[in-house]
């Protein structure tokens, strides 16, 4: 498990970018765990908020993704 990063922002795309700059390419769940302490596999809340943030970063061109193989996750994200 990747260590939670202490960033003084309020759940934003920039928080995801900062985590990716520090840790390098991560899967979607690893980004959410590191940036927000949210684990998609064990939390019963909605993932929509965090998925929408990631999509906004992709749309703006701030975050990029590439396919990964031999893994449960389909993509890894990077800046």
PDB file of N, CA and C in Angstrom:
ATOM      1  N   UNK A   1       0.843  -1.190   0.000  1.00  0.00           N
ATOM      2  CA  UNK A   1       0.000   0.000   0.000  1.00  0.00           C
ATOM      3  C   UNK A   1       0.879   1.240   0.000  1.00  0.00           C
ATOM      4  N   UNK A   2       0.464   2.238  -0.758  1.00  0.00           N
ATOM      5  CA  UNK A   2       1.201   3.478  -0.864  1.00  0.00           C
ATOM      6  C   UNK A   2       0.783   4.395   0.269  1.00  0.00           C
ATOM      7  N   UNK A   3       1.757   5.108   0.808  1.00  0.00           N
ATOM      8  CA  UNK A   3       1.515   5.985   1.943  1.00  0.00           C
ATOM      9  C   UNK A   3       0.658   7.187   1.554  1.00  0.00           C
ATOM     10  N   UNK A   4      -0.315   7.527   2.381  1.00  0.00           N
ATOM     11  CA  UNK A   4      -1.187   8.675   2.167  1.00  0.00           C
ATOM     12  C   UNK A   4      -0.363   9.950   2.211  1.00  0.00           C
ATOM     13  N   UNK A   5      -0.534  10.809   1.222  1.00  0.00           N
ATOM     14  CA  UNK A   5       0.224  12.053   1.132  1.00  0.00           C
ATOM     15  C   UNK A   5      -0.564  13.163   1.814  1.00  0.00           C
ATOM     16  N   UNK A   6       0.120  13.948   2.635  1.00  0.00           N
ATOM     17  CA  UNK A   6      -0.535  15.059   3.324  1.00  0.00           C
ATOM     18  C   UNK A   6      -0.475  16.292   2.438  1.00  0.00           C
ATOM     19  N   UNK A   7      -1.572  16.579   1.778  1.00  0.00           N
ATOM     20  CA  UNK A   7      -1.661  17.723   0.886  1.00  0.00           C
ATOM     21  C   UNK A   7      -2.797  18.603   1.400  1.00  0.00           C
ATOM     22  N   UNK A   8      -2.553  19.897   1.473  1.00  0.00           N
ATOM     23  CA  UNK A   8      -3.525  20.813   2.065  1.00  0.00           C
ATOM     24  C   UNK A   8      -4.504  21.368   1.031  1.00  0.00           C
ATOM     25  N   UNK A   9      -5.094  20.509   0.236  1.00  0.00           N
ATOM     26  CA  UNK A   9      -6.114  20.930  -0.717  1.00  0.00           C
ATOM     27  C   UNK A   9      -7.368  20.137  -0.415  1.00  0.00           C
ATOM     28  N   UNK A  10      -8.484  20.580  -0.928  1.00  0.00           N
ATOM     29  CA  UNK A  10      -9.748  19.945  -0.608  1.00  0.00           C
ATOM     30  C   UNK A  10     -10.244  19.092  -1.771  1.00  0.00           C
ATOM     31  N   UNK A  11      -9.798  17.838  -1.844  1.00  0.00           N
ATOM     32  CA  UNK A  11     -10.234  16.880  -2.858  1.00  0.00           C
ATOM     33  C   UNK A  11     -10.363  17.500  -4.243  1.00  0.00           C
ATOM     34  N   UNK A  12      -9.238  17.669  -4.911  1.00  0.00           N
ATOM     35  CA  UNK A  12      -9.238  18.307  -6.219  1.00  0.00           C
ATOM     36  C   UNK A  12      -8.389  17.526  -7.208  1.00  0.00           C
ATOM     37  N   UNK A  13      -8.518  17.885  -8.471  1.00  0.00           N
ATOM     38  CA  UNK A  13      -7.695  17.289  -9.519  1.00  0.00           C
ATOM     39  C   UNK A  13      -6.229  17.592  -9.232  1.00  0.00           C
ATOM     40  N   UNK A  14      -5.952  18.781  -8.725  1.00  0.00           N
ATOM     41  CA  UNK A  14      -4.569  19.159  -8.426  1.00  0.00           C
ATOM     42  C   UNK A  14      -3.956  18.258  -7.355  1.00  0.00           C
ATOM     43  N   UNK A  15      -4.772  17.783  -6.450  1.00  0.00           N
ATOM     44  CA  UNK A  15      -4.304  16.852  -5.431  1.00  0.00           C
ATOM     45  C   UNK A  15      -3.884  15.535  -6.096  1.00  0.00           C
ATOM     46  N   UNK A  16      -4.669  15.065  -7.070  1.00  0.00           N
ATOM     47  CA  UNK A  16      -4.310  13.858  -7.815  1.00  0.00           C
ATOM     48  C   UNK A  16      -3.005  14.066  -8.577  1.00  0.00           C
ATOM     49  N   UNK A  17      -2.853  15.227  -9.208  1.00  0.00           N
ATOM     50  CA  UNK A  17      -1.649  15.537  -9.975  1.00  0.00           C
ATOM     51  C   UNK A  17      -0.428  15.526  -9.067  1.00  0.00           C
ATOM     52  N   UNK A  18      -0.564  16.125  -7.896  1.00  0.00           N
ATOM     53  CA  UNK A  18       0.562  16.176  -6.960  1.00  0.00           C
ATOM     54  C   UNK A  18       0.969  14.765  -6.519  1.00  0.00           C
ATOM     55  N   UNK A  19       0.003  13.906  -6.275  1.00  0.00           N
ATOM     56  CA  UNK A  19       0.296  12.518  -5.901  1.00  0.00           C
ATOM     57  C   UNK A  19       1.019  11.806  -7.041  1.00  0.00           C
ATOM     58  N   UNK A  20       0.566  12.019  -8.268  1.00  0.00           N
ATOM     59  CA  UNK A  20       1.215  11.383  -9.427  1.00  0.00           C
ATOM     60  C   UNK A  20       2.627  11.917  -9.645  1.00  0.00           C
ATOM     61  N   UNK A  21       2.851  13.190  -9.368  1.00  0.00           N
ATOM     62  CA  UNK A  21       4.199  13.756  -9.481  1.00  0.00           C
ATOM     63  C   UNK A  21       5.143  13.128  -8.456  1.00  0.00           C
ATOM     64  N   UNK A  22       4.637  12.864  -7.271  1.00  0.00           N
ATOM     65  CA  UNK A  22       5.461  12.296  -6.200  1.00  0.00           C
ATOM     66  C   UNK A  22       5.703  10.806  -6.406  1.00  0.00           C
ATOM     67  N   UNK A  23       4.649  10.050  -6.730  1.00  0.00           N
ATOM     68  CA  UNK A  23       4.726   8.597  -6.760  1.00  0.00           C
ATOM     69  C   UNK A  23       4.885   7.992  -8.147  1.00  0.00           C
ATOM     70  N   UNK A  24       4.713   8.767  -9.194  1.00  0.00           N
ATOM     71  CA  UNK A  24       4.806   8.227 -10.546  1.00  0.00           C
ATOM     72  C   UNK A  24       3.503   7.566 -10.961  1.00  0.00           C
ATOM     73  N   UNK A  25       3.519   6.761 -12.024  1.00  0.00           N
ATOM     74  CA  UNK A  25       2.289   6.149 -12.541  1.00  0.00           C
ATOM     75  C   UNK A  25       1.594   5.272 -11.491  1.00  0.00           C
ATOM     76  N   UNK A  26       0.273   5.455 -11.382  1.00  0.00           N
ATOM     77  CA  UNK A  26      -0.541   4.699 -10.426  1.00  0.00           C
ATOM     78  C   UNK A  26      -1.845   4.282 -11.096  1.00  0.00           C
ATOM     79  N   UNK A  27      -2.462   3.241 -10.566  1.00  0.00           N
ATOM     80  CA  UNK A  27      -3.798   2.862 -11.029  1.00  0.00           C
ATOM     81  C   UNK A  27      -4.815   3.804 -10.392  1.00  0.00           C
ATOM     82  N   UNK A  28      -6.043   3.744 -10.887  1.00  0.00           N
ATOM     83  CA  UNK A  28      -7.092   4.619 -10.370  1.00  0.00           C
ATOM     84  C   UNK A  28      -7.289   4.421  -8.870  1.00  0.00           C
ATOM     85  N   UNK A  29      -7.350   3.188  -8.419  1.00  0.00           N
ATOM     86  CA  UNK A  29      -7.565   2.933  -6.990  1.00  0.00           C
ATOM     87  C   UNK A  29      -6.374   3.424  -6.160  1.00  0.00           C
ATOM     88  N   UNK A  30      -5.156   3.254  -6.654  1.00  0.00           N
ATOM     89  CA  UNK A  30      -3.974   3.730  -5.927  1.00  0.00           C
ATOM     90  C   UNK A  30      -3.991   5.249  -5.799  1.00  0.00           C
ATOM     91  N   UNK A  31      -4.428   5.944  -6.842  1.00  0.00           N
ATOM     92  CA  UNK A  31      -4.541   7.407  -6.773  1.00  0.00           C
ATOM     93  C   UNK A  31      -5.536   7.799  -5.690  1.00  0.00           C
ATOM     94  N   UNK A  32      -6.701   7.161  -5.697  1.00  0.00           N
ATOM     95  CA  UNK A  32      -7.739   7.499  -4.724  1.00  0.00           C
ATOM     96  C   UNK A  32      -7.287   7.193  -3.300  1.00  0.00           C
ATOM     97  N   UNK A  33      -6.606   6.080  -3.100  1.00  0.00           N
ATOM     98  CA  UNK A  33      -6.120   5.723  -1.764  1.00  0.00           C
ATOM     99  C   UNK A  33      -5.080   6.716  -1.280  1.00  0.00           C
ATOM    100  N   UNK A  34      -4.147   7.076  -2.145  1.00  0.00           N
ATOM    101  CA  UNK A  34      -3.038   7.947  -1.752  1.00  0.00           C
ATOM    102  C   UNK A  34      -3.487   9.388  -1.552  1.00  0.00           C
ATOM    103  N   UNK A  35      -4.294   9.888  -2.464  1.00  0.00           N
ATOM    104  CA  UNK A  35      -4.691  11.299  -2.399  1.00  0.00           C
ATOM    105  C   UNK A  35      -5.789  11.564  -1.381  1.00  0.00           C
ATOM    106  N   UNK A  36      -6.752  10.637  -1.270  1.00  0.00           N
ATOM    107  CA  UNK A  36      -7.946  10.920  -0.476  1.00  0.00           C
ATOM    108  C   UNK A  36      -8.219   9.914   0.639  1.00  0.00           C
ATOM    109  N   UNK A  37      -7.463   8.817   0.692  1.00  0.00           N
ATOM    110  CA  UNK A  37      -7.722   7.792   1.686  1.00  0.00           C
ATOM    111  C   UNK A  37      -8.973   6.988   1.377  1.00  0.00           C
ATOM    112  N   UNK A  38      -9.396   6.985   0.119  1.00  0.00           N
ATOM    113  CA  UNK A  38     -10.618   6.302  -0.306  1.00  0.00           C
ATOM    114  C   UNK A  38     -10.242   5.031  -1.056  1.00  0.00           C
ATOM    115  N   UNK A  39     -10.662   3.889  -0.558  1.00  0.00           N
ATOM    116  CA  UNK A  39     -10.396   2.608  -1.213  1.00  0.00           C
ATOM    117  C   UNK A  39     -11.680   2.119  -1.877  1.00  0.00           C
ATOM    118  N   UNK A  40     -11.672   2.050  -3.193  1.00  0.00           N
ATOM    119  CA  UNK A  40     -12.867   1.651  -3.943  1.00  0.00           C
ATOM    120  C   UNK A  40     -13.319   0.238  -3.593  1.00  0.00           C
ATOM    121  N   UNK A  41     -12.395  -0.603  -3.194  1.00  0.00           N
ATOM    122  CA  UNK A  41     -12.716  -2.005  -2.940  1.00  0.00           C
ATOM    123  C   UNK A  41     -13.359  -2.232  -1.575  1.00  0.00           C
ATOM    124  N   UNK A  42     -13.110  -1.355  -0.614  1.00  0.00           N
ATOM    125  CA  UNK A  42     -13.637  -1.588   0.728  1.00  0.00           C
ATOM    126  C   UNK A  42     -14.634  -0.520   1.181  1.00  0.00           C
ATOM    127  N   UNK A  43     -14.697   0.611   0.481  1.00  0.00           N
ATOM    128  CA  UNK A  43     -15.641   1.670   0.855  1.00  0.00           C
ATOM    129  C   UNK A  43     -16.994   1.382   0.244  1.00  0.00           C
ATOM    130  N   UNK A  44     -18.052   1.718   0.953  1.00  0.00           N
ATOM    131  CA  UNK A  44     -19.345   1.503   0.349  1.00  0.00           C
ATOM    132  C   UNK A  44     -19.973   2.759  -0.168  1.00  0.00           C
ATOM    133  N   UNK A  45     -19.268   3.861  -0.124  1.00  0.00           N
ATOM    134  CA  UNK A  45     -19.770   5.090  -0.725  1.00  0.00           C
ATOM    135  C   UNK A  45     -19.595   5.075  -2.237  1.00  0.00           C
ATOM    136  N   UNK A  46     -20.094   6.098  -2.865  1.00  0.00           N
ATOM    137  CA  UNK A  46     -20.031   6.197  -4.315  1.00  0.00           C
ATOM    138  C   UNK A  46     -18.630   6.594  -4.772  1.00  0.00           C
ATOM    139  N   UNK A  47     -18.210   6.049  -5.895  1.00  0.00           N
ATOM    140  CA  UNK A  47     -16.930   6.367  -6.501  1.00  0.00           C
ATOM    141  C   UNK A  47     -17.074   7.514  -7.503  1.00  0.00           C
ATOM    142  N   UNK A  48     -18.283   7.951  -7.794  1.00  0.00           N
ATOM    143  CA  UNK A  48     -18.546   8.918  -8.853  1.00  0.00           C
ATOM    144  C   UNK A  48     -17.756  10.215  -8.685  1.00  0.00           C
ATOM    145  N   UNK A  49     -17.705  10.742  -7.480  1.00  0.00           N
ATOM    146  CA  UNK A  49     -17.009  12.001  -7.217  1.00  0.00           C
ATOM    147  C   UNK A  49     -15.548  11.921  -7.652  1.00  0.00           C
ATOM    148  N   UNK A  50     -14.860  10.851  -7.263  1.00  0.00           N
ATOM    149  CA  UNK A  50     -13.439  10.708  -7.561  1.00  0.00           C
ATOM    150  C   UNK A  50     -13.213  10.337  -9.026  1.00  0.00           C
ATOM    151  N   UNK A  51     -14.090   9.527  -9.594  1.00  0.00           N
ATOM    152  CA  UNK A  51     -13.981   9.166 -11.010  1.00  0.00           C
ATOM    153  C   UNK A  51     -14.184  10.404 -11.884  1.00  0.00           C
ATOM    154  N   UNK A  52     -15.128  11.264 -11.513  1.00  0.00           N
ATOM    155  CA  UNK A  52     -15.354  12.504 -12.259  1.00  0.00           C
ATOM    156  C   UNK A  52     -14.136  13.423 -12.185  1.00  0.00           C
ATOM    157  N   UNK A  53     -13.497  13.489 -11.026  1.00  0.00           N
ATOM    158  CA  UNK A  53     -12.285  14.305 -10.887  1.00  0.00           C
ATOM    159  C   UNK A  53     -11.195  13.799 -11.819  1.00  0.00           C
ATOM    160  N   UNK A  54     -11.021  12.492 -11.862  1.00  0.00           N
ATOM    161  CA  UNK A  54     -10.000  11.904 -12.719  1.00  0.00           C
ATOM    162  C   UNK A  54     -10.319  12.193 -14.190  1.00  0.00           C
ATOM    163  N   UNK A  55     -11.582  12.063 -14.571  1.00  0.00           N
ATOM    164  CA  UNK A  55     -11.993  12.358 -15.952  1.00  0.00           C
ATOM    165  C   UNK A  55     -11.745  13.819 -16.314  1.00  0.00           C
ATOM    166  N   UNK A  56     -11.990  14.729 -15.369  1.00  0.00           N
ATOM    167  CA  UNK A  56     -11.711  16.151 -15.635  1.00  0.00           C
ATOM    168  C   UNK A  56     -10.226  16.373 -15.901  1.00  0.00           C
ATOM    169  N   UNK A  57      -9.385  15.708 -15.124  1.00  0.00           N
ATOM    170  CA  UNK A  57      -7.940  15.814 -15.345  1.00  0.00           C
ATOM    171  C   UNK A  57      -7.533  15.274 -16.704  1.00  0.00           C
ATOM    172  N   UNK A  58      -8.154  14.179 -17.130  1.00  0.00           N
ATOM    173  CA  UNK A  58      -7.875  13.613 -18.454  1.00  0.00           C
ATOM    174  C   UNK A  58      -8.338  14.557 -19.560  1.00  0.00           C
ATOM    175  N   UNK A  59      -9.541  15.107 -19.408  1.00  0.00           N
ATOM    176  CA  UNK A  59     -10.109  16.009 -20.411  1.00  0.00           C
ATOM    177  C   UNK A  59      -9.267  17.269 -20.562  1.00  0.00           C
ATOM    178  N   UNK A  60      -8.787  17.802 -19.448  1.00  0.00           N
ATOM    179  CA  UNK A  60      -7.964  19.016 -19.482  1.00  0.00           C
ATOM    180  C   UNK A  60      -6.557  18.741 -19.994  1.00  0.00           C
ATOM    181  N   UNK A  61      -6.168  17.465 -20.058  1.00  0.00           N
ATOM    182  CA  UNK A  61      -4.822  17.116 -20.510  1.00  0.00           C
ATOM    183  C   UNK A  61      -3.780  17.190 -19.410  1.00  0.00           C
ATOM    184  N   UNK A  62      -4.213  17.359 -18.162  1.00  0.00           N
ATOM    185  CA  UNK A  62      -3.300  17.434 -17.022  1.00  0.00           C
ATOM    186  C   UNK A  62      -2.798  16.038 -16.672  1.00  0.00           C
ATOM    187  N   UNK A  63      -3.688  15.068 -16.738  1.00  0.00           N
ATOM    188  CA  UNK A  63      -3.376  13.672 -16.416  1.00  0.00           C
ATOM    189  C   UNK A  63      -3.506  12.860 -17.699  1.00  0.00           C
ATOM    190  N   UNK A  64      -2.603  11.918 -17.877  1.00  0.00           N
ATOM    191  CA  UNK A  64      -2.655  11.024 -19.035  1.00  0.00           C
ATOM    192  C   UNK A  64      -2.755   9.596 -18.529  1.00  0.00           C
ATOM    193  N   UNK A  65      -3.134   8.672 -19.430  1.00  0.00           N
ATOM    194  CA  UNK A  65      -3.215   7.274 -19.026  1.00  0.00           C
ATOM    195  C   UNK A  65      -2.694   6.388 -20.141  1.00  0.00           C
ATOM    196  N   UNK A  66      -2.260   5.200 -19.737  1.00  0.00           N
ATOM    197  CA  UNK A  66      -1.808   4.196 -20.702  1.00  0.00           C
ATOM    198  C   UNK A  66      -2.312   2.844 -20.235  1.00  0.00           C
ATOM    199  N   UNK A  67      -2.572   1.954 -21.187  1.00  0.00           N
ATOM    200  CA  UNK A  67      -3.074   0.631 -20.800  1.00  0.00           C
ATOM    201  C   UNK A  67      -1.991  -0.186 -20.101  1.00  0.00           C
ATOM    202  N   UNK A  68      -2.419  -1.017 -19.170  1.00  0.00           N
ATOM    203  CA  UNK A  68      -1.499  -1.970 -18.542  1.00  0.00           C
ATOM    204  C   UNK A  68      -2.079  -3.363 -18.729  1.00  0.00           C
ATOM    205  N   UNK A  69      -1.205  -4.304 -18.829  1.00  0.00           N
ATOM    206  CA  UNK A  69      -1.622  -5.679 -19.083  1.00  0.00           C
ATOM    207  C   UNK A  69      -1.218  -6.539 -17.894  1.00  0.00           C
ATOM    208  N   UNK A  70      -1.803  -7.704 -17.787  1.00  0.00           N
ATOM    209  CA  UNK A  70      -1.524  -8.632 -16.683  1.00  0.00           C
ATOM    210  C   UNK A  70      -1.868  -8.023 -15.329  1.00  0.00           C
ATOM    211  N   UNK A  71      -2.928  -7.270 -15.295  1.00  0.00           N
ATOM    212  CA  UNK A  71      -3.367  -6.639 -14.060  1.00  0.00           C
ATOM    213  C   UNK A  71      -4.887  -6.544 -14.071  1.00  0.00           C
ATOM    214  N   UNK A  72      -5.472  -6.456 -12.905  1.00  0.00           N
ATOM    215  CA  UNK A  72      -6.920  -6.274 -12.805  1.00  0.00           C
ATOM    216  C   UNK A  72      -7.338  -4.889 -13.301  1.00  0.00           C
ATOM    217  N   UNK A  73      -6.480  -3.914 -13.075  1.00  0.00           N
ATOM    218  CA  UNK A  73      -6.744  -2.553 -13.553  1.00  0.00           C
ATOM    219  C   UNK A  73      -6.422  -2.475 -15.041  1.00  0.00           C
ATOM    220  N   UNK A  74      -7.164  -1.659 -15.754  1.00  0.00           N
ATOM    221  CA  UNK A  74      -6.953  -1.541 -17.197  1.00  0.00           C
ATOM    222  C   UNK A  74      -5.952  -0.457 -17.560  1.00  0.00           C
ATOM    223  N   UNK A  75      -5.842   0.585 -16.720  1.00  0.00           N
ATOM    224  CA  UNK A  75      -4.986   1.720 -17.044  1.00  0.00           C
ATOM    225  C   UNK A  75      -4.148   2.131 -15.841  1.00  0.00           C
ATOM    226  N   UNK A  76      -3.009   2.774 -16.143  1.00  0.00           N
ATOM    227  CA  UNK A  76      -2.272   3.484 -15.118  1.00  0.00           C
ATOM    228  C   UNK A  76      -2.188   4.936 -15.566  1.00  0.00           C
ATOM    229  N   UNK A  77      -2.231   5.819 -14.605  1.00  0.00           N
ATOM    230  CA  UNK A  77      -2.323   7.245 -14.874  1.00  0.00           C
ATOM    231  C   UNK A  77      -1.009   7.903 -14.483  1.00  0.00           C
ATOM    232  N   UNK A  78      -0.641   8.941 -15.233  1.00  0.00           N
ATOM    233  CA  UNK A  78       0.621   9.643 -14.982  1.00  0.00           C
ATOM    234  C   UNK A  78       0.482  11.097 -15.412  1.00  0.00           C
ATOM    235  N   UNK A  79       1.478  11.927 -15.013  1.00  0.00           N
ATOM    236  CA  UNK A  79       1.489  13.324 -15.438  1.00  0.00           C
ATOM    237  C   UNK A  79       2.712  13.562 -16.301  1.00  0.00           C
TER     238      UNK A  79
END
